[in-house]
């Protein structure tokens, strides 16, 4: 529908131009799939059932076969990421404890300075 409206508007403004019309370029990019790949990039691959993925699956019926990852590889990857998360949580807990201690020390120092100023 968008390309039809775009085409109508361009015909109303019919200018002599050697370049293809925007409507023709849009229609071509939607038909050959370029538009949908751009949509995926712009949407950061939001969901496997997004409009862009559905359109690409119609254009390239074997696309899911191209991206299939073996289950052992996925499991290794997930385990690796979970280990990294656990390590991060341990490091963050230690940092948080140190920050909290410094905050308490700062509060005590600030209270002491305020008492001396009075």
Foldseek 3Di string as FASTA:
>chain_A
DVLVVQVVVCVVVPDDDPDDGPSVVVVVCLLQLVVLVVVCVVVVVVDCPDPSNVSVCVVPVCVVVVPDDDPVVVVVVVVVVVVVVVVVVVVVVVVVVVVVVVVVVVVVVVVVVVVVVD
